[in-house]
C-alpha cells in the first residue's frame, strides 16, 4: 500500500509513524522519534501552510523527507526540502518515489545556497538544534557543527523571513531558535506531538514577540478553545 491510500488507512499516532517509517533503512528509522516530524504533526502543519495549488513550501532541514512527502500527499501544495546530508537527500527521493509523492523536490545544500524568494511558505522544525549540542543528539558526525554556525543560520533565517512578502506563511514545531520578525502574527497555536504547531502569517504593521514572551496573547487551539 502506498501514497494517499496508506495515509488514509492509518490513525495518527506512534503506530502510523512506525508504518510510514518502514520505507526507510534502519539507520534512518533509528533517528525518527527524535529528528523526523511525527505524522500527525506533518499533516496538520501542511494543512495550515497550504492555501491553494500555488503554495510553494520550503522545509528547512528536510532530513529524510517525511514532512514534504506527507504534505504533498495530503494537500495541493508543492514541497521542497533543503538538506545538508547527501545520503538523506537520496533517502528522501527514494521514499517520495515509493509513496508516489510527485510534488516534492529534495535539494542537497545548506540554507544559504537557495533562493528563499521562490517560496511563499516555510516549515521550521528546530532545524539548527544539532549545532547547539547538548541533549539533542546529532544524526551522525559527518557535519562539522558549532554554536557559531547555529547562530549564523538563525540570523540568516530571520533575515529571509523579514524580507518575505506579505502573506508569507510559516509553521514552527519546537521553534527554530530565534524570534519571528516584525509583521508576523501567530494566528494558530495547537498542541501536537511533543510541542505546539504554530502558524505565523505576515501581515501589515504587526509586531509579535518570540514564543518565550507571549504573555497575555490569545491563541486558538485545535478544539476551538482559546488560551491566553
C-alpha atoms as a PDB file:
ATOM      1  CA  UNK A   1       0.000   0.000   0.000  1.00  0.00           C
ATOM      2  CA  UNK A   2       1.432   3.416  -0.945  1.00  0.00           C
ATOM      3  CA  UNK A   3       0.662   7.094  -1.125  1.00  0.00           C
ATOM      4  CA  UNK A   4      -2.666   8.510  -0.031  1.00  0.00           C
ATOM      5  CA  UNK A   5      -4.090   5.029   0.495  1.00  0.00           C
ATOM      6  CA  UNK A   6      -1.509   4.382   3.184  1.00  0.00           C
ATOM      7  CA  UNK A   7      -2.016   7.723   4.881  1.00  0.00           C
ATOM      8  CA  UNK A   8      -5.799   7.411   4.938  1.00  0.00           C
ATOM      9  CA  UNK A   9      -5.601   3.914   6.395  1.00  0.00           C
ATOM     10  CA  UNK A  10      -3.541   4.950   9.406  1.00  0.00           C
ATOM     11  CA  UNK A  11      -4.810   6.696  12.510  1.00  0.00           C
ATOM     12  CA  UNK A  12      -2.436   9.399  13.800  1.00  0.00           C
ATOM     13  CA  UNK A  13      -0.041   8.153  16.439  1.00  0.00           C
ATOM     14  CA  UNK A  14       3.024   6.027  17.046  1.00  0.00           C
ATOM     15  CA  UNK A  15       1.748   3.050  15.018  1.00  0.00           C
ATOM     16  CA  UNK A  16       1.221   5.284  11.989  1.00  0.00           C
ATOM     17  CA  UNK A  17       4.761   6.586  12.236  1.00  0.00           C
ATOM     18  CA  UNK A  18       6.211   3.096  12.547  1.00  0.00           C
ATOM     19  CA  UNK A  19       4.290   2.052   9.433  1.00  0.00           C
ATOM     20  CA  UNK A  20       5.378   5.098   7.448  1.00  0.00           C
ATOM     21  CA  UNK A  21       8.999   4.814   8.578  1.00  0.00           C
ATOM     22  CA  UNK A  22       9.122   1.239   7.303  1.00  0.00           C
ATOM     23  CA  UNK A  23      10.140   2.634   3.920  1.00  0.00           C
ATOM     24  CA  UNK A  24      13.421   3.910   5.385  1.00  0.00           C
ATOM     25  CA  UNK A  25      16.643   1.973   6.013  1.00  0.00           C
ATOM     26  CA  UNK A  26      17.425   1.043   9.615  1.00  0.00           C
ATOM     27  CA  UNK A  27      19.832   3.914  10.281  1.00  0.00           C
ATOM     28  CA  UNK A  28      17.176   6.430   9.218  1.00  0.00           C
ATOM     29  CA  UNK A  29      14.396   4.771  11.230  1.00  0.00           C
ATOM     30  CA  UNK A  30      16.533   4.983  14.364  1.00  0.00           C
ATOM     31  CA  UNK A  31      16.522   8.783  14.027  1.00  0.00           C
ATOM     32  CA  UNK A  32      12.777   9.101  13.565  1.00  0.00           C
ATOM     33  CA  UNK A  33      11.488   9.689  17.077  1.00  0.00           C
ATOM     34  CA  UNK A  34      13.943  12.499  17.713  1.00  0.00           C
ATOM     35  CA  UNK A  35      14.542  14.058  14.310  1.00  0.00           C
ATOM     36  CA  UNK A  36      11.665  13.392  11.869  1.00  0.00           C
ATOM     37  CA  UNK A  37       8.298  15.137  12.074  1.00  0.00           C
ATOM     38  CA  UNK A  38       5.565  12.909  13.553  1.00  0.00           C
ATOM     39  CA  UNK A  39       2.888  12.016  11.039  1.00  0.00           C
ATOM     40  CA  UNK A  40       0.028  13.857  12.768  1.00  0.00           C
ATOM     41  CA  UNK A  41       2.206  16.968  13.093  1.00  0.00           C
ATOM     42  CA  UNK A  42       3.226  16.824   9.434  1.00  0.00           C
ATOM     43  CA  UNK A  43      -0.370  16.525   8.235  1.00  0.00           C
ATOM     44  CA  UNK A  44      -1.567  19.453  10.335  1.00  0.00           C
ATOM     45  CA  UNK A  45       1.422  21.651   9.545  1.00  0.00           C
ATOM     46  CA  UNK A  46       0.957  21.077   5.815  1.00  0.00           C
ATOM     47  CA  UNK A  47      -2.754  21.835   6.086  1.00  0.00           C
ATOM     48  CA  UNK A  48      -2.001  25.141   7.803  1.00  0.00           C
ATOM     49  CA  UNK A  49       0.662  26.139   5.285  1.00  0.00           C
ATOM     50  CA  UNK A  50      -1.103  25.328   2.028  1.00  0.00           C
ATOM     51  CA  UNK A  51      -3.865  27.646   0.848  1.00  0.00           C
ATOM     52  CA  UNK A  52      -4.074  26.554  -2.807  1.00  0.00           C
ATOM     53  CA  UNK A  53      -2.084  24.830  -5.534  1.00  0.00           C
ATOM     54  CA  UNK A  54       0.170  27.888  -5.861  1.00  0.00           C
ATOM     55  CA  UNK A  55       1.629  27.314  -2.397  1.00  0.00           C
ATOM     56  CA  UNK A  56       5.340  26.502  -2.552  1.00  0.00           C
ATOM     57  CA  UNK A  57       6.637  25.195   0.772  1.00  0.00           C
ATOM     58  CA  UNK A  58      10.276  25.026   1.845  1.00  0.00           C
ATOM     59  CA  UNK A  59      11.179  22.568   4.600  1.00  0.00           C
ATOM     60  CA  UNK A  60      14.344  23.950   6.195  1.00  0.00           C
ATOM     61  CA  UNK A  61      16.447  20.925   7.098  1.00  0.00           C
ATOM     62  CA  UNK A  62      14.263  18.282   5.462  1.00  0.00           C
ATOM     63  CA  UNK A  63      16.135  15.205   6.687  1.00  0.00           C
ATOM     64  CA  UNK A  64      14.549  12.011   5.351  1.00  0.00           C
ATOM     65  CA  UNK A  65      11.770  13.969   3.614  1.00  0.00           C
ATOM     66  CA  UNK A  66       8.898  12.806   5.797  1.00  0.00           C
ATOM     67  CA  UNK A  67       7.182  16.191   6.158  1.00  0.00           C
ATOM     68  CA  UNK A  68       7.433  17.014   2.452  1.00  0.00           C
ATOM     69  CA  UNK A  69       6.124  13.617   1.394  1.00  0.00           C
ATOM     70  CA  UNK A  70       3.140  13.738   3.742  1.00  0.00           C
ATOM     71  CA  UNK A  71       2.410  17.332   2.764  1.00  0.00           C
ATOM     72  CA  UNK A  72       2.488  16.544  -0.948  1.00  0.00           C
ATOM     73  CA  UNK A  73       0.164  13.567  -0.465  1.00  0.00           C
ATOM     74  CA  UNK A  74      -2.395  15.393   1.675  1.00  0.00           C
ATOM     75  CA  UNK A  75      -2.531  18.924   0.224  1.00  0.00           C
ATOM     76  CA  UNK A  76      -2.343  20.707  -3.135  1.00  0.00           C
ATOM     77  CA  UNK A  77       0.977  22.404  -2.353  1.00  0.00           C
ATOM     78  CA  UNK A  78       4.420  21.826  -3.816  1.00  0.00           C
ATOM     79  CA  UNK A  79       7.023  20.846  -1.227  1.00  0.00           C
ATOM     80  CA  UNK A  80      10.782  21.324  -1.405  1.00  0.00           C
ATOM     81  CA  UNK A  81      13.329  20.304   1.206  1.00  0.00           C
ATOM     82  CA  UNK A  82      16.854  21.603   1.695  1.00  0.00           C
ATOM     83  CA  UNK A  83      19.169  19.126   3.419  1.00  0.00           C
ATOM     84  CA  UNK A  84      22.917  19.223   4.005  1.00  0.00           C
ATOM     85  CA  UNK A  85      23.453  15.432   4.029  1.00  0.00           C
ATOM     86  CA  UNK A  86      23.529  13.908   0.545  1.00  0.00           C
ATOM     87  CA  UNK A  87      22.666  10.467   1.933  1.00  0.00           C
ATOM     88  CA  UNK A  88      19.425  11.796   3.417  1.00  0.00           C
ATOM     89  CA  UNK A  89      18.556  13.580   0.188  1.00  0.00           C
ATOM     90  CA  UNK A  90      18.819  10.257  -1.646  1.00  0.00           C
ATOM     91  CA  UNK A  91      16.747   8.512   1.046  1.00  0.00           C
ATOM     92  CA  UNK A  92      14.067  11.215   0.755  1.00  0.00           C
ATOM     93  CA  UNK A  93      13.915  10.923  -3.028  1.00  0.00           C
ATOM     94  CA  UNK A  94      13.588   7.152  -2.811  1.00  0.00           C
ATOM     95  CA  UNK A  95      10.805   7.420  -0.226  1.00  0.00           C
ATOM     96  CA  UNK A  96       8.944  10.036  -2.283  1.00  0.00           C
ATOM     97  CA  UNK A  97       9.087   7.750  -5.295  1.00  0.00           C
ATOM     98  CA  UNK A  98       7.827   4.836  -3.204  1.00  0.00           C
ATOM     99  CA  UNK A  99       4.812   6.803  -1.976  1.00  0.00           C
ATOM    100  CA  UNK A 100       4.138   8.468  -5.328  1.00  0.00           C
ATOM    101  CA  UNK A 101       4.686  11.954  -3.890  1.00  0.00           C
ATOM    102  CA  UNK A 102       5.332  13.723  -7.183  1.00  0.00           C
ATOM    103  CA  UNK A 103       5.071  17.303  -5.918  1.00  0.00           C
ATOM    104  CA  UNK A 104       8.282  17.048  -3.916  1.00  0.00           C
ATOM    105  CA  UNK A 105      11.812  18.218  -4.584  1.00  0.00           C
ATOM    106  CA  UNK A 106      14.812  17.488  -2.377  1.00  0.00           C
ATOM    107  CA  UNK A 107      17.900  19.671  -2.671  1.00  0.00           C
ATOM    108  CA  UNK A 108      21.373  18.978  -1.327  1.00  0.00           C
ATOM    109  CA  UNK A 109      22.885  22.074   0.268  1.00  0.00           C
ATOM    110  CA  UNK A 110      22.624  24.406   3.216  1.00  0.00           C
ATOM    111  CA  UNK A 111      20.022  27.102   3.729  1.00  0.00           C
ATOM    112  CA  UNK A 112      22.223  29.831   2.252  1.00  0.00           C
ATOM    113  CA  UNK A 113      22.512  28.030  -1.096  1.00  0.00           C
ATOM    114  CA  UNK A 114      18.928  28.519  -2.310  1.00  0.00           C
ATOM    115  CA  UNK A 115      16.730  31.486  -3.134  1.00  0.00           C
ATOM    116  CA  UNK A 116      14.056  31.785  -0.440  1.00  0.00           C
ATOM    117  CA  UNK A 117      12.083  34.143  -2.698  1.00  0.00           C
ATOM    118  CA  UNK A 118      10.956  31.095  -4.690  1.00  0.00           C
ATOM    119  CA  UNK A 119       8.762  30.031  -1.753  1.00  0.00           C
ATOM    120  CA  UNK A 120       5.746  31.535  -0.011  1.00  0.00           C
ATOM    121  CA  UNK A 121       5.519  29.125   2.917  1.00  0.00           C
ATOM    122  CA  UNK A 122       8.114  27.658   5.268  1.00  0.00           C
ATOM    123  CA  UNK A 123       8.309  24.790   7.743  1.00  0.00           C
ATOM    124  CA  UNK A 124      10.752  25.016  10.649  1.00  0.00           C
ATOM    125  CA  UNK A 125      11.166  22.013  12.966  1.00  0.00           C
ATOM    126  CA  UNK A 126      14.043  23.156  15.184  1.00  0.00           C
ATOM    127  CA  UNK A 127      16.355  22.840  12.167  1.00  0.00           C
ATOM    128  CA  UNK A 128      19.572  24.071  13.780  1.00  0.00           C
ATOM    129  CA  UNK A 129      19.444  22.107  17.035  1.00  0.00           C
ATOM    130  CA  UNK A 130      22.347  19.817  16.131  1.00  0.00           C
ATOM    131  CA  UNK A 131      24.703  22.799  16.090  1.00  0.00           C
ATOM    132  CA  UNK A 132      23.677  23.662  19.638  1.00  0.00           C
ATOM    133  CA  UNK A 133      24.827  20.312  21.051  1.00  0.00           C
ATOM    134  CA  UNK A 134      23.504  19.272  24.443  1.00  0.00           C
ATOM    135  CA  UNK A 135      20.772  16.676  24.837  1.00  0.00           C
ATOM    136  CA  UNK A 136      19.592  16.856  21.235  1.00  0.00           C
ATOM    137  CA  UNK A 137      21.674  14.114  19.630  1.00  0.00           C
ATOM    138  CA  UNK A 138      23.267  14.586  16.249  1.00  0.00           C
ATOM    139  CA  UNK A 139      22.111  12.334  13.424  1.00  0.00           C
ATOM    140  CA  UNK A 140      25.729  11.474  12.665  1.00  0.00           C
ATOM    141  CA  UNK A 141      29.176  13.055  12.745  1.00  0.00           C
ATOM    142  CA  UNK A 142      29.502  13.841   9.040  1.00  0.00           C
ATOM    143  CA  UNK A 143      28.813  17.550   9.616  1.00  0.00           C
ATOM    144  CA  UNK A 144      31.109  19.943  11.494  1.00  0.00           C
ATOM    145  CA  UNK A 145      28.720  21.508  13.996  1.00  0.00           C
ATOM    146  CA  UNK A 146      29.292  24.620  16.071  1.00  0.00           C
ATOM    147  CA  UNK A 147      27.217  27.071  18.142  1.00  0.00           C
ATOM    148  CA  UNK A 148      28.622  29.887  15.996  1.00  0.00           C
ATOM    149  CA  UNK A 149      27.202  28.295  12.867  1.00  0.00           C
ATOM    150  CA  UNK A 150      23.891  27.774  14.639  1.00  0.00           C
ATOM    151  CA  UNK A 151      23.650  31.491  15.376  1.00  0.00           C
ATOM    152  CA  UNK A 152      24.629  32.355  11.811  1.00  0.00           C
ATOM    153  CA  UNK A 153      21.830  30.158  10.448  1.00  0.00           C
ATOM    154  CA  UNK A 154      19.305  31.611  12.900  1.00  0.00           C
ATOM    155  CA  UNK A 155      20.228  35.150  11.831  1.00  0.00           C
ATOM    156  CA  UNK A 156      20.050  34.151   8.166  1.00  0.00           C
ATOM    157  CA  UNK A 157      16.587  32.635   8.628  1.00  0.00           C
ATOM    158  CA  UNK A 158      15.360  35.709  10.476  1.00  0.00           C
ATOM    159  CA  UNK A 159      16.649  37.965   7.682  1.00  0.00           C
ATOM    160  CA  UNK A 160      14.984  35.906   4.961  1.00  0.00           C
ATOM    161  CA  UNK A 161      11.671  35.913   6.810  1.00  0.00           C
ATOM    162  CA  UNK A 162      11.984  39.632   7.499  1.00  0.00           C
ATOM    163  CA  UNK A 163      12.377  40.214   3.740  1.00  0.00           C
ATOM    164  CA  UNK A 164       9.477  37.913   2.815  1.00  0.00           C
ATOM    165  CA  UNK A 165       6.366  39.492   1.269  1.00  0.00           C
ATOM    166  CA  UNK A 166       3.032  39.941   2.992  1.00  0.00           C
ATOM    167  CA  UNK A 167       1.005  36.761   3.120  1.00  0.00           C
ATOM    168  CA  UNK A 168       4.023  34.515   3.733  1.00  0.00           C
ATOM    169  CA  UNK A 169       3.087  31.610   5.990  1.00  0.00           C
ATOM    170  CA  UNK A 170       5.421  29.897   8.458  1.00  0.00           C
ATOM    171  CA  UNK A 171       4.753  26.875  10.632  1.00  0.00           C
ATOM    172  CA  UNK A 172       7.106  26.154  13.515  1.00  0.00           C
ATOM    173  CA  UNK A 173       7.337  22.985  15.600  1.00  0.00           C
ATOM    174  CA  UNK A 174       9.754  23.302  18.527  1.00  0.00           C
ATOM    175  CA  UNK A 175      10.641  26.706  17.034  1.00  0.00           C
ATOM    176  CA  UNK A 176      13.778  27.490  15.076  1.00  0.00           C
ATOM    177  CA  UNK A 177      15.963  29.101  17.739  1.00  0.00           C
ATOM    178  CA  UNK A 178      15.055  32.716  17.038  1.00  0.00           C
ATOM    179  CA  UNK A 179      12.132  35.119  17.141  1.00  0.00           C
ATOM    180  CA  UNK A 180       9.770  35.929  14.312  1.00  0.00           C
ATOM    181  CA  UNK A 181      10.402  39.256  12.565  1.00  0.00           C
ATOM    182  CA  UNK A 182       8.034  42.191  12.901  1.00  0.00           C
ATOM    183  CA  UNK A 183       4.960  41.720  10.743  1.00  0.00           C
ATOM    184  CA  UNK A 184       4.396  38.047  11.554  1.00  0.00           C
ATOM    185  CA  UNK A 185       1.320  37.226  13.602  1.00  0.00           C
ATOM    186  CA  UNK A 186       0.810  33.872  15.319  1.00  0.00           C
ATOM    187  CA  UNK A 187      -2.764  33.015  14.377  1.00  0.00           C
ATOM    188  CA  UNK A 188      -2.818  29.337  15.344  1.00  0.00           C
ATOM    189  CA  UNK A 189      -1.091  27.523  18.206  1.00  0.00           C
ATOM    190  CA  UNK A 190      -2.140  23.897  18.556  1.00  0.00           C
ATOM    191  CA  UNK A 191      -0.755  21.174  20.842  1.00  0.00           C
ATOM    192  CA  UNK A 192       0.622  18.368  18.680  1.00  0.00           C
ATOM    193  CA  UNK A 193       3.191  15.687  19.306  1.00  0.00           C
ATOM    194  CA  UNK A 194       5.722  16.839  21.891  1.00  0.00           C
ATOM    195  CA  UNK A 195       5.201  20.590  21.409  1.00  0.00           C
ATOM    196  CA  UNK A 196       2.947  23.085  19.611  1.00  0.00           C
ATOM    197  CA  UNK A 197       2.315  23.612  15.917  1.00  0.00           C
ATOM    198  CA  UNK A 198       2.328  27.372  15.401  1.00  0.00           C
ATOM    199  CA  UNK A 199       1.124  29.125  12.261  1.00  0.00           C
ATOM    200  CA  UNK A 200       2.575  32.572  11.605  1.00  0.00           C
ATOM    201  CA  UNK A 201       1.332  34.820   8.797  1.00  0.00           C
ATOM    202  CA  UNK A 202       2.987  38.036   7.684  1.00  0.00           C
ATOM    203  CA  UNK A 203       0.531  40.917   7.876  1.00  0.00           C
ATOM    204  CA  UNK A 204       0.856  44.713   7.635  1.00  0.00           C
ATOM    205  CA  UNK A 205       2.142  46.586  10.695  1.00  0.00           C
ATOM    206  CA  UNK A 206       2.114  43.711  13.168  1.00  0.00           C
ATOM    207  CA  UNK A 207       4.890  43.032  15.665  1.00  0.00           C
ATOM    208  CA  UNK A 208       4.791  39.931  17.829  1.00  0.00           C
ATOM    209  CA  UNK A 209       7.492  38.742  20.212  1.00  0.00           C
ATOM    210  CA  UNK A 210       9.256  35.375  20.329  1.00  0.00           C
ATOM    211  CA  UNK A 211       7.455  32.367  21.806  1.00  0.00           C
ATOM    212  CA  UNK A 212       9.048  32.932  25.206  1.00  0.00           C
ATOM    213  CA  UNK A 213       7.478  36.393  25.570  1.00  0.00           C
ATOM    214  CA  UNK A 214       3.856  35.842  24.572  1.00  0.00           C
ATOM    215  CA  UNK A 215       2.311  36.612  27.929  1.00  0.00           C
ATOM    216  CA  UNK A 216      -1.193  37.986  27.581  1.00  0.00           C
ATOM    217  CA  UNK A 217      -1.640  36.863  23.991  1.00  0.00           C
ATOM    218  CA  UNK A 218      -4.561  34.655  22.965  1.00  0.00           C
ATOM    219  CA  UNK A 219      -4.209  31.555  20.838  1.00  0.00           C
ATOM    220  CA  UNK A 220      -6.815  29.353  19.195  1.00  0.00           C
ATOM    221  CA  UNK A 221      -6.419  25.634  19.805  1.00  0.00           C
ATOM    222  CA  UNK A 222      -7.467  22.705  17.674  1.00  0.00           C
ATOM    223  CA  UNK A 223     -10.608  22.028  19.705  1.00  0.00           C
ATOM    224  CA  UNK A 224     -11.808  25.592  19.240  1.00  0.00           C
ATOM    225  CA  UNK A 225     -10.933  26.736  22.749  1.00  0.00           C
ATOM    226  CA  UNK A 226      -8.674  29.686  23.464  1.00  0.00           C
ATOM    227  CA  UNK A 227      -5.900  30.248  25.936  1.00  0.00           C
ATOM    228  CA  UNK A 228      -4.056  33.376  26.921  1.00  0.00           C
END
